[in-house]
């Protein structure tokens, strides 16, 4: 079977330069796919609109004006109000204020990649409902933000400010704090991978922007080969190298970087090349799941997540 498989893909395979301690066939005796716990259960209903819905999978979105800002699963900016208090948490936005600044309901929320989950909490409002807090500050959306990336609420009245992922007011870092440029040929720098939870897929890997990570069934792990080239890469961009220290919740076994013939480097998990999908427009999207019967989300240990 191994010879037949190698022959089938020989024409399309992309040669790679393997690390000194390459992946071996003994690493792949177990099943390479997994069903998430509760996969047969129905997925949770999607939120009807921005309003007072929970935050879902939060993400850190980089903006030119403010640097990194905290967004909800729909990509809408989250805000804090200077007239609130964080210690103890208390909201002072009621009535008409809460119509302009819809509260982010507590409940279904997952910390953004690289964010300390302990920063997330909740506060009971005057009407008895529960509101999400970030570092103690109650979280809101702005009703004039119409699409992902809008930050129309920034600085309104001198008291409303976008959240940074650490719960402080978003502010662009000084140039001196910028990360140094990667050396030539070293590939693009990338934020760390982490694990998100989807009602249908269960735990799966996401990149530093919270976007779902996928594997291609036509690739191989022994040897490490990517069979996604040309137009395929336009739809399925490679995940650039990520240092182990920046990865959270990912199994470190055979967590390697492979060199592609096009000069790019690609991250692998358990020696399998990983990608994102151009059809996913915001954190939490899983539109690439099952495409062509060959593309699937990836579990924290690098296995395919197959959902019937």
Protein backbone atom coordinates (compact mmCIF):
# COMPACT_ATOMS: atom_id res chain seq x y z
CA UNK A 1 0.00 0.00 0.00
CA UNK A 2 2.88 2.40 0.85
CA UNK A 3 4.44 1.89 -2.63
CA UNK A 4 1.12 2.41 -4.38
CA UNK A 5 0.47 5.61 -2.44
CA UNK A 6 3.94 6.97 -3.19
CA UNK A 7 3.50 6.23 -6.90
CA UNK A 8 0.06 7.84 -7.04
CA UNK A 9 1.31 11.15 -5.71
CA UNK A 10 4.82 11.17 -7.14
CA UNK A 11 4.02 13.53 -10.02
CA UNK A 12 2.28 16.14 -7.88
CA UNK A 13 4.28 15.84 -4.67
CA UNK A 14 6.28 18.79 -3.45
CA UNK A 15 9.76 17.80 -2.26
CA UNK A 16 10.66 19.03 1.19
CA UNK A 17 13.82 19.28 3.26
CA UNK A 18 13.29 17.32 6.45
CA UNK A 19 14.68 18.08 9.87
CA UNK A 20 17.63 16.00 11.03
CA UNK A 21 15.36 13.87 13.23
CA UNK A 22 12.70 13.26 10.57
CA UNK A 23 9.28 11.74 11.11
CA UNK A 24 9.29 7.98 10.79
CA UNK A 25 6.67 5.36 9.92
CA UNK A 26 6.58 4.18 13.55
CA UNK A 27 4.94 7.50 14.42
CA UNK A 28 1.78 6.68 12.48
CA UNK A 29 0.44 3.36 13.71
CA UNK A 30 -2.64 4.84 15.34
CA UNK A 31 -5.75 6.09 13.53
CA UNK A 32 -5.20 9.45 11.87
CA UNK A 33 -8.71 10.81 12.36
CA UNK A 34 -10.86 11.54 15.33
CA UNK A 35 -14.50 12.25 16.09
CA UNK A 36 -15.06 15.09 18.55
CA UNK A 37 -16.82 14.25 21.79
CA UNK A 38 -20.55 14.65 21.25
CA UNK A 39 -20.13 14.91 17.48
CA UNK A 40 -23.57 13.40 16.93
CA UNK A 41 -25.22 16.06 19.01
CA UNK A 42 -26.77 19.03 17.26
CA UNK A 43 -24.66 22.16 17.00
CA UNK A 44 -25.62 25.10 19.16
CA UNK A 45 -27.86 27.60 17.32
CA UNK A 46 -26.04 30.53 15.74
CA UNK A 47 -26.43 33.96 17.27
CA UNK A 48 -29.22 35.96 15.64
CA UNK A 49 -27.30 39.24 15.58
CA UNK A 50 -24.79 41.43 17.39
CA UNK A 51 -27.21 42.85 20.03
CA UNK A 52 -26.71 41.39 23.47
CA UNK A 53 -25.35 38.06 22.25
CA UNK A 54 -22.40 36.29 23.95
CA UNK A 55 -18.92 36.90 22.58
CA UNK A 56 -18.19 33.39 21.29
CA UNK A 57 -14.60 32.81 20.17
CA UNK A 58 -12.82 36.09 20.89
CA UNK A 59 -9.94 37.22 18.67
CA UNK A 60 -7.18 39.81 18.66
CA UNK A 61 -7.59 41.86 15.48
CA UNK A 62 -4.74 44.11 14.37
CA UNK A 63 -5.80 47.61 13.27
CA UNK A 64 -3.66 50.35 11.75
CA UNK A 65 -5.07 52.96 14.14
CA UNK A 66 -4.98 51.12 17.47
CA UNK A 67 -2.85 48.05 17.03
CA UNK A 68 -4.39 44.90 18.53
CA UNK A 69 -8.05 45.16 19.59
CA UNK A 70 -10.36 42.53 21.06
CA UNK A 71 -13.25 41.35 18.86
CA UNK A 72 -16.10 38.88 19.22
CA UNK A 73 -16.64 35.80 17.04
CA UNK A 74 -18.25 37.96 14.34
CA UNK A 75 -15.20 40.26 14.23
CA UNK A 76 -17.01 43.17 15.92
CA UNK A 77 -14.93 45.36 18.23
CA UNK A 78 -15.52 45.13 21.99
CA UNK A 79 -15.46 48.30 24.13
CA UNK A 80 -15.13 49.43 27.75
CA UNK A 81 -16.73 52.44 29.46
CA UNK A 82 -14.72 54.77 31.72
CA UNK A 83 -17.77 55.39 33.94
CA UNK A 84 -17.92 51.68 34.82
CA UNK A 85 -15.71 50.14 37.49
CA UNK A 86 -13.53 47.03 37.36
CA UNK A 87 -12.87 46.56 41.09
CA UNK A 88 -15.54 45.59 41.83
CA UNK A 89 -17.01 45.06 38.35
CA UNK A 90 -20.06 47.27 37.81
CA UNK A 91 -21.88 48.56 34.72
CA UNK A 92 -23.19 52.12 34.71
CA UNK A 93 -24.63 51.89 31.17
CA UNK A 94 -28.40 51.36 31.38
CA UNK A 95 -31.50 52.39 29.42
CA UNK A 96 -30.75 54.38 26.27
CA UNK A 97 -27.03 53.94 26.87
CA UNK A 98 -27.41 50.16 26.59
CA UNK A 99 -29.31 50.60 23.30
CA UNK A 100 -26.37 52.49 21.80
CA UNK A 101 -23.86 50.20 23.48
CA UNK A 102 -25.36 46.67 23.55
CA UNK A 103 -23.87 44.60 26.35
CA UNK A 104 -21.93 41.43 25.59
CA UNK A 105 -23.79 38.69 27.41
CA UNK A 106 -21.81 36.37 29.66
CA UNK A 107 -21.76 32.69 28.86
CA UNK A 108 -20.54 31.30 25.54
CA UNK A 109 -17.07 32.83 25.31
CA UNK A 110 -13.53 31.58 24.64
CA UNK A 111 -10.40 33.65 25.18
CA UNK A 112 -8.54 34.90 22.11
CA UNK A 113 -5.32 33.14 21.12
CA UNK A 114 -2.52 34.28 23.41
CA UNK A 115 -4.98 35.89 25.84
CA UNK A 116 -5.08 34.90 29.52
CA UNK A 117 -8.46 33.12 29.98
CA UNK A 118 -8.44 34.26 33.62
CA UNK A 119 -9.15 37.81 32.38
CA UNK A 120 -12.68 36.76 31.39
CA UNK A 121 -15.45 37.03 33.96
CA UNK A 122 -19.00 38.26 34.42
CA UNK A 123 -21.01 40.85 36.33
CA UNK A 124 -24.70 40.82 37.27
CA UNK A 125 -26.47 43.88 35.88
CA UNK A 126 -29.27 45.82 37.57
CA UNK A 127 -31.89 43.85 35.60
CA UNK A 128 -30.42 40.53 36.77
CA UNK A 129 -28.79 39.63 33.44
CA UNK A 130 -25.10 38.67 33.30
CA UNK A 131 -22.55 40.63 31.27
CA UNK A 132 -19.08 39.58 30.12
CA UNK A 133 -16.17 41.33 31.78
CA UNK A 134 -12.55 41.59 30.60
CA UNK A 135 -10.05 42.25 33.39
CA UNK A 136 -13.09 43.28 35.45
CA UNK A 137 -14.39 45.82 32.92
CA UNK A 138 -17.90 45.18 31.50
CA UNK A 139 -17.79 44.58 27.73
CA UNK A 140 -19.99 46.22 25.08
CA UNK A 141 -20.44 46.51 21.32
CA UNK A 142 -21.26 49.77 19.49
CA UNK A 143 -24.44 49.91 17.42
CA UNK A 144 -22.73 52.00 14.71
CA UNK A 145 -20.13 49.32 14.01
CA UNK A 146 -21.66 47.63 10.96
CA UNK A 147 -18.93 45.21 9.92
CA UNK A 148 -15.82 43.42 11.21
CA UNK A 149 -12.93 45.84 11.68
CA UNK A 150 -15.08 48.91 12.41
CA UNK A 151 -13.90 50.92 15.43
CA UNK A 152 -16.42 53.77 15.26
CA UNK A 153 -16.88 53.67 19.02
CA UNK A 154 -13.27 54.52 19.79
CA UNK A 155 -13.03 57.67 21.91
CA UNK A 156 -16.75 58.49 21.81
CA UNK A 157 -17.50 61.12 24.47
CA UNK A 158 -13.98 60.70 25.74
CA UNK A 159 -15.20 57.70 27.77
CA UNK A 160 -15.57 54.76 25.36
CA UNK A 161 -12.51 52.83 24.21
CA UNK A 162 -11.78 49.59 22.36
CA UNK A 163 -10.42 46.76 24.47
CA UNK A 164 -6.88 45.52 24.00
CA UNK A 165 -6.58 41.72 24.53
CA UNK A 166 -5.19 42.35 28.05
CA UNK A 167 -8.30 44.29 29.09
CA UNK A 168 -6.62 47.70 28.89
CA UNK A 169 -7.52 50.44 26.42
CA UNK A 170 -6.24 49.58 22.95
CA UNK A 171 -3.26 51.68 21.89
CA UNK A 172 -0.71 51.15 19.15
CA UNK A 173 2.66 50.02 20.46
CA UNK A 174 5.64 52.31 20.04
CA UNK A 175 7.92 51.41 17.10
CA UNK A 176 10.65 50.33 19.52
CA UNK A 177 8.38 47.54 20.75
CA UNK A 178 7.87 46.04 17.31
CA UNK A 179 9.21 42.54 16.74
CA UNK A 180 12.47 42.35 14.77
CA UNK A 181 12.23 41.37 11.12
CA UNK A 182 12.75 37.71 10.34
CA UNK A 183 16.01 36.88 8.59
CA UNK A 184 15.90 36.28 4.84
CA UNK A 185 14.53 32.87 3.96
CA UNK A 186 13.30 32.25 7.49
CA UNK A 187 9.61 32.56 6.54
CA UNK A 188 7.02 34.92 7.93
CA UNK A 189 6.70 35.42 11.67
CA UNK A 190 3.39 34.15 13.02
CA UNK A 191 1.43 34.41 16.27
CA UNK A 192 1.07 31.21 18.26
CA UNK A 193 -1.33 28.39 17.50
CA UNK A 194 -3.95 27.57 20.11
CA UNK A 195 -7.04 25.42 20.64
CA UNK A 196 -10.63 26.58 20.15
CA UNK A 197 -13.86 24.69 20.78
CA UNK A 198 -16.64 24.42 18.22
CA UNK A 199 -20.11 22.94 19.01
CA UNK A 200 -19.79 20.49 16.12
CA UNK A 201 -16.04 19.93 15.72
CA UNK A 202 -15.06 20.00 19.38
CA UNK A 203 -11.50 21.08 20.17
CA UNK A 204 -9.57 22.11 17.06
CA UNK A 205 -6.44 24.11 16.22
CA UNK A 206 -6.69 27.79 15.27
CA UNK A 207 -3.97 30.22 14.23
CA UNK A 208 -2.93 33.38 16.03
CA UNK A 209 -5.92 35.26 14.56
CA UNK A 210 -8.38 32.60 15.68
CA UNK A 211 -8.83 31.19 12.16
CA UNK A 212 -9.45 27.46 11.80
CA UNK A 213 -6.47 25.34 10.72
CA UNK A 214 -6.86 22.48 8.23
CA UNK A 215 -5.05 19.44 6.83
CA UNK A 216 -5.11 18.05 3.26
CA UNK A 217 -5.68 14.29 2.96
CA UNK A 218 -3.47 14.15 -0.16
CA UNK A 219 -0.45 15.30 1.85
CA UNK A 220 1.83 12.85 3.60
CA UNK A 221 3.62 12.92 6.92
CA UNK A 222 6.15 10.24 6.05
CA UNK A 223 7.89 11.72 4.23
CA UNK A 224 6.63 15.24 5.00
CA UNK A 225 5.16 16.30 1.64
CA UNK A 226 2.66 19.01 0.66
CA UNK A 227 0.57 18.26 -2.42
CA UNK A 228 -1.08 21.70 -2.36
CA UNK A 229 0.63 23.90 -4.94
CA UNK A 230 -0.23 26.66 -7.41
CA UNK A 231 -3.91 27.66 -7.36
CA UNK A 232 -4.44 25.37 -4.38
CA UNK A 233 -2.28 27.65 -2.23
CA UNK A 234 -4.42 30.66 -3.15
CA UNK A 235 -7.38 28.94 -1.53
CA UNK A 236 -5.45 27.19 1.23
CA UNK A 237 -2.59 29.45 2.48
CA UNK A 238 0.14 27.67 4.40
CA UNK A 239 0.51 28.30 8.12
CA UNK A 240 3.96 29.89 8.56
CA UNK A 241 6.38 28.72 11.27
CA UNK A 242 5.35 29.11 14.91
CA UNK A 243 7.74 28.56 17.79
CA UNK A 244 6.73 25.84 20.25
CA UNK A 245 6.84 28.39 23.05
CA UNK A 246 4.05 30.34 21.32
CA UNK A 247 1.76 27.35 20.86
CA UNK A 248 -0.88 26.69 23.52
CA UNK A 249 -2.57 23.31 23.94
CA UNK A 250 -0.92 21.70 20.89
CA UNK A 251 0.73 18.29 21.24
CA UNK A 252 4.44 18.90 20.72
CA UNK A 253 5.23 15.49 19.22
CA UNK A 254 6.78 16.02 15.77
CA UNK A 255 5.91 19.72 15.83
CA UNK A 256 8.21 20.68 12.97
CA UNK A 257 8.80 23.24 10.23
CA UNK A 258 9.29 22.07 6.66
CA UNK A 259 10.96 23.92 3.78
CA UNK A 260 8.90 24.16 0.61
CA UNK A 261 10.58 24.35 -2.85
CA UNK A 262 8.90 27.75 -3.41
CA UNK A 263 11.13 29.15 -0.65
CA UNK A 264 8.39 29.35 1.98
CA UNK A 265 8.43 27.50 5.27
CA UNK A 266 5.35 25.72 6.58
CA UNK A 267 4.38 24.65 10.06
CA UNK A 268 3.46 21.02 10.63
CA UNK A 269 1.67 19.34 13.53
CA UNK A 270 2.67 15.72 14.08
CA UNK A 271 4.53 16.10 10.76
CA UNK A 272 1.35 16.97 8.81
CA UNK A 273 1.46 20.29 6.87
CA UNK A 274 -1.25 22.71 8.02
CA UNK A 275 -3.17 25.46 6.24
CA UNK A 276 -5.95 28.01 6.67
CA UNK A 277 -8.89 28.49 4.24
CA UNK A 278 -9.56 31.64 2.21
CA UNK A 279 -13.29 30.95 2.50
CA UNK A 280 -13.19 31.53 6.27
CA UNK A 281 -13.80 35.24 6.76
CA UNK A 282 -13.80 35.54 10.54
CA UNK A 283 -12.63 33.66 13.65
CA UNK A 284 -14.93 30.71 14.35
CA UNK A 285 -15.69 29.99 10.67
CA UNK A 286 -15.22 26.35 9.62
CA UNK A 287 -16.23 26.62 5.95
CA UNK A 288 -13.26 24.49 4.90
CA UNK A 289 -14.43 21.45 6.85
CA UNK A 290 -14.93 18.48 4.51
CA UNK A 291 -14.30 20.44 1.27
CA UNK A 292 -13.84 17.96 -1.57
CA UNK A 293 -13.73 15.16 0.96
CA UNK A 294 -10.05 16.00 1.42
CA UNK A 295 -9.82 19.02 3.75
CA UNK A 296 -10.52 18.73 7.47
CA UNK A 297 -9.98 20.64 10.68
CA UNK A 298 -7.17 19.43 12.94
CA UNK A 299 -7.37 18.16 16.50
CA UNK A 300 -4.77 19.33 19.08
CA UNK A 301 -2.73 16.15 18.45
CA UNK A 302 -2.62 16.70 14.68
CA UNK A 303 -5.30 14.19 13.67
CA UNK A 304 -8.08 14.87 11.18
CA UNK A 305 -11.47 15.77 12.67
CA UNK A 306 -14.12 13.97 10.65
CA UNK A 307 -17.77 14.74 11.31
CA UNK A 308 -20.46 12.66 9.63
